[in-house]
Amino acid sequence: MSRKMREDEAKSHLPAALLLELGLQSLDYMLQVCPPRTRITLLTEIKLQLDFWLRQLAYVILPSGECLNELLIENGWAKASHSYYCSMLTEYQSLNFEAKQQHRGNYLSVDVF
């Protein structure tokens, strides 16, 4: 098991197998909204462009003008995190709270992830 998975288990108090399943369900949704070869635009924050794992942090803008990050959060397939700077954090936390209240996406299976 990877170090990140162990950390995710500790943070969420969910077993790795369930976290993996939730991640695959989220991926499924993302591929429906943004299939491979979709032309996207990446917008990065000036203050922070990489996370601890050296992954690029960005807002993913779809050809429709919608923000993939926002769609994932409002549909319960991702959550707002205060771990990294995000100018949209307050709005994303509100969308996350609503998704949780409405039992959307991953919140159909768990209360927290």
N, C-alpha and C. Protein backbone atom coordinates (compact mmCIF):
# COMPACT_ATOMS: atom_id res chain seq x y z
N MET A 1 0.85 -1.17 0.00
CA MET A 1 0.00 0.00 0.00
C MET A 1 0.91 1.25 0.00
N SER A 2 0.53 2.25 -0.77
CA SER A 2 1.35 3.45 -0.88
C SER A 2 1.24 4.32 0.38
N ARG A 3 2.23 5.17 0.54
CA ARG A 3 2.24 6.10 1.67
C ARG A 3 1.01 7.02 1.63
N LYS A 4 0.67 7.50 0.43
CA LYS A 4 -0.49 8.39 0.30
C LYS A 4 -1.78 7.67 0.71
N MET A 5 -1.93 6.42 0.30
CA MET A 5 -3.14 5.68 0.67
C MET A 5 -3.22 5.50 2.18
N ARG A 6 -2.08 5.22 2.82
CA ARG A 6 -2.09 5.09 4.29
C ARG A 6 -2.50 6.41 4.93
N GLU A 7 -1.99 7.53 4.39
CA GLU A 7 -2.37 8.84 4.92
C GLU A 7 -3.85 9.12 4.70
N ASP A 8 -4.37 8.76 3.51
CA ASP A 8 -5.79 8.97 3.22
C ASP A 8 -6.68 8.14 4.13
N GLU A 9 -6.25 6.91 4.42
CA GLU A 9 -6.99 6.06 5.37
C GLU A 9 -7.04 6.72 6.75
N ALA A 10 -5.90 7.22 7.19
CA ALA A 10 -5.82 7.84 8.52
C ALA A 10 -6.69 9.10 8.59
N LYS A 11 -6.66 9.91 7.55
CA LYS A 11 -7.45 11.16 7.53
C LYS A 11 -8.95 10.89 7.47
N SER A 12 -9.35 9.93 6.65
CA SER A 12 -10.77 9.69 6.40
C SER A 12 -11.39 8.66 7.34
N HIS A 13 -10.54 7.83 7.94
CA HIS A 13 -11.01 6.71 8.77
C HIS A 13 -11.82 5.71 7.93
N LEU A 14 -11.47 5.62 6.64
CA LEU A 14 -12.10 4.66 5.73
C LEU A 14 -11.04 3.70 5.23
N PRO A 15 -11.41 2.42 5.01
CA PRO A 15 -10.43 1.44 4.53
C PRO A 15 -9.98 1.75 3.09
N ALA A 16 -8.77 1.36 2.77
CA ALA A 16 -8.19 1.62 1.45
C ALA A 16 -9.06 1.08 0.33
N ALA A 17 -9.63 -0.10 0.51
CA ALA A 17 -10.47 -0.69 -0.55
C ALA A 17 -11.67 0.20 -0.86
N LEU A 18 -12.29 0.77 0.17
CA LEU A 18 -13.42 1.66 -0.05
C LEU A 18 -12.96 2.97 -0.69
N LEU A 19 -11.84 3.50 -0.23
CA LEU A 19 -11.31 4.73 -0.83
C LEU A 19 -11.02 4.52 -2.31
N LEU A 20 -10.47 3.37 -2.65
CA LEU A 20 -10.18 3.06 -4.04
C LEU A 20 -11.47 2.99 -4.86
N GLU A 21 -12.49 2.34 -4.32
CA GLU A 21 -13.79 2.24 -5.00
C GLU A 21 -14.41 3.62 -5.21
N LEU A 22 -14.36 4.46 -4.18
CA LEU A 22 -14.90 5.82 -4.30
C LEU A 22 -14.13 6.61 -5.37
N GLY A 23 -12.83 6.42 -5.40
CA GLY A 23 -12.00 7.09 -6.40
C GLY A 23 -12.35 6.64 -7.81
N LEU A 24 -12.60 5.36 -7.99
CA LEU A 24 -12.97 4.84 -9.31
C LEU A 24 -14.33 5.36 -9.75
N GLN A 25 -15.26 5.49 -8.80
CA GLN A 25 -16.57 6.06 -9.13
C GLN A 25 -16.44 7.53 -9.54
N SER A 26 -15.57 8.25 -8.85
CA SER A 26 -15.32 9.65 -9.19
C SER A 26 -14.69 9.75 -10.58
N LEU A 27 -13.76 8.86 -10.86
CA LEU A 27 -13.11 8.83 -12.17
C LEU A 27 -14.14 8.57 -13.26
N ASP A 28 -15.04 7.65 -13.01
CA ASP A 28 -16.11 7.33 -13.95
C ASP A 28 -16.91 8.58 -14.31
N TYR A 29 -17.31 9.33 -13.28
CA TYR A 29 -18.06 10.56 -13.51
C TYR A 29 -17.23 11.56 -14.32
N MET A 30 -15.97 11.72 -13.93
CA MET A 30 -15.11 12.68 -14.62
C MET A 30 -14.96 12.33 -16.09
N LEU A 31 -14.82 11.04 -16.41
CA LEU A 31 -14.67 10.63 -17.80
C LEU A 31 -15.94 10.84 -18.61
N GLN A 32 -17.09 10.82 -17.94
CA GLN A 32 -18.35 11.14 -18.64
C GLN A 32 -18.39 12.62 -19.00
N VAL A 33 -17.94 13.47 -18.07
CA VAL A 33 -17.98 14.92 -18.26
C VAL A 33 -16.84 15.40 -19.15
N CYS A 34 -15.69 14.75 -19.02
CA CYS A 34 -14.48 15.19 -19.73
C CYS A 34 -13.75 13.97 -20.28
N PRO A 35 -14.27 13.39 -21.38
CA PRO A 35 -13.63 12.20 -21.93
C PRO A 35 -12.22 12.48 -22.46
N PRO A 36 -11.43 11.43 -22.64
CA PRO A 36 -10.08 11.62 -23.18
C PRO A 36 -10.13 12.42 -24.48
N ARG A 37 -9.12 13.24 -24.68
CA ARG A 37 -8.95 14.10 -25.85
C ARG A 37 -9.82 15.36 -25.82
N THR A 38 -10.54 15.57 -24.71
CA THR A 38 -11.28 16.82 -24.57
C THR A 38 -10.26 17.94 -24.42
N ARG A 39 -10.43 19.00 -25.19
CA ARG A 39 -9.53 20.15 -25.09
C ARG A 39 -9.95 20.97 -23.88
N ILE A 40 -9.03 21.14 -22.96
CA ILE A 40 -9.31 21.86 -21.73
C ILE A 40 -8.36 23.05 -21.59
N THR A 41 -8.72 23.93 -20.69
CA THR A 41 -7.84 25.04 -20.33
C THR A 41 -7.53 24.89 -18.85
N LEU A 42 -6.26 25.03 -18.48
CA LEU A 42 -5.86 24.96 -17.08
C LEU A 42 -5.55 26.36 -16.58
N LEU A 43 -6.16 26.72 -15.47
CA LEU A 43 -5.88 28.00 -14.81
C LEU A 43 -5.27 27.69 -13.45
N THR A 44 -4.13 28.27 -13.16
CA THR A 44 -3.46 28.01 -11.88
C THR A 44 -3.50 29.24 -10.99
N GLU A 45 -3.41 29.00 -9.71
CA GLU A 45 -3.31 30.07 -8.73
C GLU A 45 -1.88 30.59 -8.74
N ILE A 46 -1.71 31.87 -8.59
CA ILE A 46 -0.36 32.45 -8.53
C ILE A 46 0.36 31.95 -7.27
N LYS A 47 -0.37 31.87 -6.16
CA LYS A 47 0.25 31.54 -4.87
C LYS A 47 0.75 30.10 -4.76
N LEU A 48 0.10 29.17 -5.45
CA LEU A 48 0.46 27.76 -5.28
C LEU A 48 0.12 26.99 -6.54
N GLN A 49 1.12 26.36 -7.13
CA GLN A 49 0.88 25.64 -8.38
C GLN A 49 1.10 24.13 -8.28
N LEU A 50 1.77 23.66 -7.20
CA LEU A 50 2.02 22.24 -7.02
C LEU A 50 1.63 21.82 -5.60
N ASP A 51 1.17 20.58 -5.47
CA ASP A 51 0.89 20.07 -4.13
C ASP A 51 2.10 19.34 -3.57
N PHE A 52 1.96 18.77 -2.39
CA PHE A 52 3.05 18.06 -1.72
C PHE A 52 3.62 16.95 -2.60
N TRP A 53 2.75 16.32 -3.39
CA TRP A 53 3.14 15.19 -4.24
C TRP A 53 3.66 15.67 -5.59
N LEU A 54 3.83 17.00 -5.75
CA LEU A 54 4.33 17.64 -6.97
C LEU A 54 3.36 17.51 -8.15
N ARG A 55 2.07 17.40 -7.82
CA ARG A 55 1.04 17.39 -8.87
C ARG A 55 0.63 18.84 -9.11
N GLN A 56 0.38 19.17 -10.38
CA GLN A 56 -0.04 20.52 -10.70
C GLN A 56 -1.46 20.75 -10.18
N LEU A 57 -1.64 21.88 -9.50
CA LEU A 57 -2.96 22.28 -9.02
C LEU A 57 -3.52 23.29 -10.02
N ALA A 58 -4.73 23.05 -10.48
CA ALA A 58 -5.30 23.94 -11.48
C ALA A 58 -6.82 23.82 -11.49
N TYR A 59 -7.44 24.86 -12.01
CA TYR A 59 -8.87 24.82 -12.33
C TYR A 59 -8.93 24.31 -13.76
N VAL A 60 -9.75 23.29 -14.00
CA VAL A 60 -9.87 22.70 -15.32
C VAL A 60 -11.14 23.25 -15.97
N ILE A 61 -10.93 24.04 -17.01
CA ILE A 61 -12.06 24.66 -17.70
C ILE A 61 -12.38 23.84 -18.95
N LEU A 62 -13.63 23.40 -19.03
CA LEU A 62 -14.10 22.57 -20.15
C LEU A 62 -14.46 23.45 -21.34
N PRO A 63 -14.59 22.86 -22.53
CA PRO A 63 -14.97 23.64 -23.72
C PRO A 63 -16.28 24.42 -23.54
N SER A 64 -17.17 23.93 -22.70
CA SER A 64 -18.45 24.61 -22.43
C SER A 64 -18.28 25.85 -21.57
N GLY A 65 -17.09 26.01 -20.98
CA GLY A 65 -16.83 27.10 -20.04
C GLY A 65 -17.04 26.70 -18.60
N GLU A 66 -17.59 25.49 -18.38
CA GLU A 66 -17.79 25.00 -17.01
C GLU A 66 -16.44 24.61 -16.42
N CYS A 67 -16.37 24.68 -15.10
CA CYS A 67 -15.16 24.30 -14.37
C CYS A 67 -15.33 22.87 -13.86
N LEU A 68 -14.45 21.98 -14.30
CA LEU A 68 -14.54 20.57 -13.89
C LEU A 68 -14.43 20.43 -12.38
N ASN A 69 -13.55 21.21 -11.76
CA ASN A 69 -13.39 21.15 -10.30
C ASN A 69 -14.75 21.37 -9.62
N GLU A 70 -15.44 22.41 -10.08
CA GLU A 70 -16.74 22.77 -9.49
C GLU A 70 -17.76 21.66 -9.72
N LEU A 71 -17.80 21.10 -10.93
CA LEU A 71 -18.74 20.02 -11.23
C LEU A 71 -18.49 18.80 -10.34
N LEU A 72 -17.22 18.45 -10.15
CA LEU A 72 -16.89 17.30 -9.30
C LEU A 72 -17.34 17.53 -7.86
N ILE A 73 -17.11 18.73 -7.35
CA ILE A 73 -17.49 19.03 -5.96
C ILE A 73 -18.99 19.11 -5.80
N GLU A 74 -19.67 19.83 -6.68
CA GLU A 74 -21.12 19.99 -6.50
C GLU A 74 -21.90 18.70 -6.71
N ASN A 75 -21.29 17.74 -7.41
CA ASN A 75 -21.94 16.45 -7.61
C ASN A 75 -21.44 15.37 -6.65
N GLY A 76 -20.62 15.77 -5.69
CA GLY A 76 -20.19 14.85 -4.63
C GLY A 76 -19.08 13.90 -5.01
N TRP A 77 -18.36 14.18 -6.09
CA TRP A 77 -17.28 13.29 -6.53
C TRP A 77 -15.91 13.77 -6.11
N ALA A 78 -15.83 14.95 -5.53
CA ALA A 78 -14.59 15.50 -4.97
C ALA A 78 -15.01 16.37 -3.80
N LYS A 79 -14.05 16.77 -2.98
CA LYS A 79 -14.39 17.63 -1.86
C LYS A 79 -13.47 18.84 -1.82
N ALA A 80 -13.95 19.87 -1.20
CA ALA A 80 -13.16 21.07 -1.01
C ALA A 80 -12.16 20.81 0.11
N SER A 81 -10.92 21.17 -0.12
CA SER A 81 -9.89 20.93 0.88
C SER A 81 -9.19 22.24 1.23
N HIS A 82 -8.94 22.43 2.50
CA HIS A 82 -8.21 23.62 2.95
C HIS A 82 -6.71 23.35 3.03
N SER A 83 -6.27 22.19 2.54
CA SER A 83 -4.86 21.82 2.61
C SER A 83 -3.97 22.70 1.73
N TYR A 84 -4.54 23.25 0.67
CA TYR A 84 -3.79 24.09 -0.26
C TYR A 84 -4.57 25.36 -0.54
N TYR A 85 -3.84 26.42 -0.87
CA TYR A 85 -4.49 27.69 -1.16
C TYR A 85 -5.41 27.54 -2.37
N CYS A 86 -6.60 28.09 -2.25
CA CYS A 86 -7.59 28.08 -3.33
C CYS A 86 -8.47 29.31 -3.14
N SER A 87 -8.44 30.21 -4.10
CA SER A 87 -9.24 31.44 -3.97
C SER A 87 -10.74 31.14 -3.97
N MET A 88 -11.13 29.96 -4.45
CA MET A 88 -12.54 29.57 -4.53
C MET A 88 -12.97 28.71 -3.33
N LEU A 89 -12.12 28.59 -2.32
CA LEU A 89 -12.37 27.65 -1.23
C LEU A 89 -13.73 27.85 -0.56
N THR A 90 -14.08 29.07 -0.24
CA THR A 90 -15.36 29.30 0.44
C THR A 90 -16.53 28.81 -0.40
N GLU A 91 -16.52 29.13 -1.69
CA GLU A 91 -17.59 28.68 -2.58
C GLU A 91 -17.57 27.16 -2.71
N TYR A 92 -16.37 26.57 -2.83
CA TYR A 92 -16.27 25.13 -2.97
C TYR A 92 -16.72 24.41 -1.70
N GLN A 93 -16.43 24.97 -0.54
CA GLN A 93 -16.90 24.37 0.71
C GLN A 93 -18.42 24.39 0.78
N SER A 94 -19.03 25.46 0.30
CA SER A 94 -20.48 25.55 0.28
C SER A 94 -21.08 24.50 -0.67
N LEU A 95 -20.49 24.35 -1.85
CA LEU A 95 -20.95 23.32 -2.80
C LEU A 95 -20.77 21.93 -2.20
N ASN A 96 -19.67 21.71 -1.50
CA ASN A 96 -19.40 20.42 -0.87
C ASN A 96 -20.45 20.12 0.20
N PHE A 97 -20.76 21.13 1.01
CA PHE A 97 -21.76 20.95 2.07
C PHE A 97 -23.12 20.58 1.46
N GLU A 98 -23.49 21.26 0.38
CA GLU A 98 -24.77 20.96 -0.27
C GLU A 98 -24.77 19.55 -0.85
N ALA A 99 -23.67 19.13 -1.48
CA ALA A 99 -23.57 17.77 -2.04
C ALA A 99 -23.73 16.73 -0.93
N LYS A 100 -23.11 17.01 0.22
CA LYS A 100 -23.22 16.09 1.35
C LYS A 100 -24.66 16.03 1.86
N GLN A 101 -25.30 17.18 2.00
CA GLN A 101 -26.69 17.23 2.48
C GLN A 101 -27.65 16.52 1.53
N GLN A 102 -27.36 16.60 0.24
CA GLN A 102 -28.23 15.99 -0.78
C GLN A 102 -27.82 14.55 -1.13
N HIS A 103 -26.79 14.04 -0.44
CA HIS A 103 -26.30 12.66 -0.65
C HIS A 103 -25.98 12.41 -2.13
N ARG A 104 -25.18 13.29 -2.70
CA ARG A 104 -24.76 13.14 -4.10
C ARG A 104 -23.40 12.45 -4.17
N GLY A 105 -23.19 11.74 -5.27
CA GLY A 105 -21.88 11.15 -5.55
C GLY A 105 -21.40 10.22 -4.46
N ASN A 106 -20.18 10.45 -3.99
CA ASN A 106 -19.61 9.60 -2.94
C ASN A 106 -20.41 9.65 -1.65
N TYR A 107 -21.15 10.73 -1.44
CA TYR A 107 -21.94 10.85 -0.22
C TYR A 107 -23.15 9.92 -0.21
N LEU A 108 -23.39 9.21 -1.30
CA LEU A 108 -24.41 8.15 -1.28
C LEU A 108 -23.93 6.99 -0.40
N SER A 109 -22.60 6.79 -0.35
CA SER A 109 -22.01 5.65 0.36
C SER A 109 -21.44 5.99 1.72
N VAL A 110 -20.93 7.21 1.87
CA VAL A 110 -20.24 7.59 3.10
C VAL A 110 -20.63 9.01 3.51
N ASP A 111 -20.38 9.32 4.78
CA ASP A 111 -20.64 10.69 5.27
C ASP A 111 -19.44 11.60 5.09
N VAL A 112 -18.27 11.00 5.01
CA VAL A 112 -17.03 11.76 4.87
C VAL A 112 -16.08 10.96 4.01
N PHE A 113 -15.30 11.65 3.23
CA PHE A 113 -14.26 10.98 2.44
C PHE A 113 -13.10 11.92 2.27
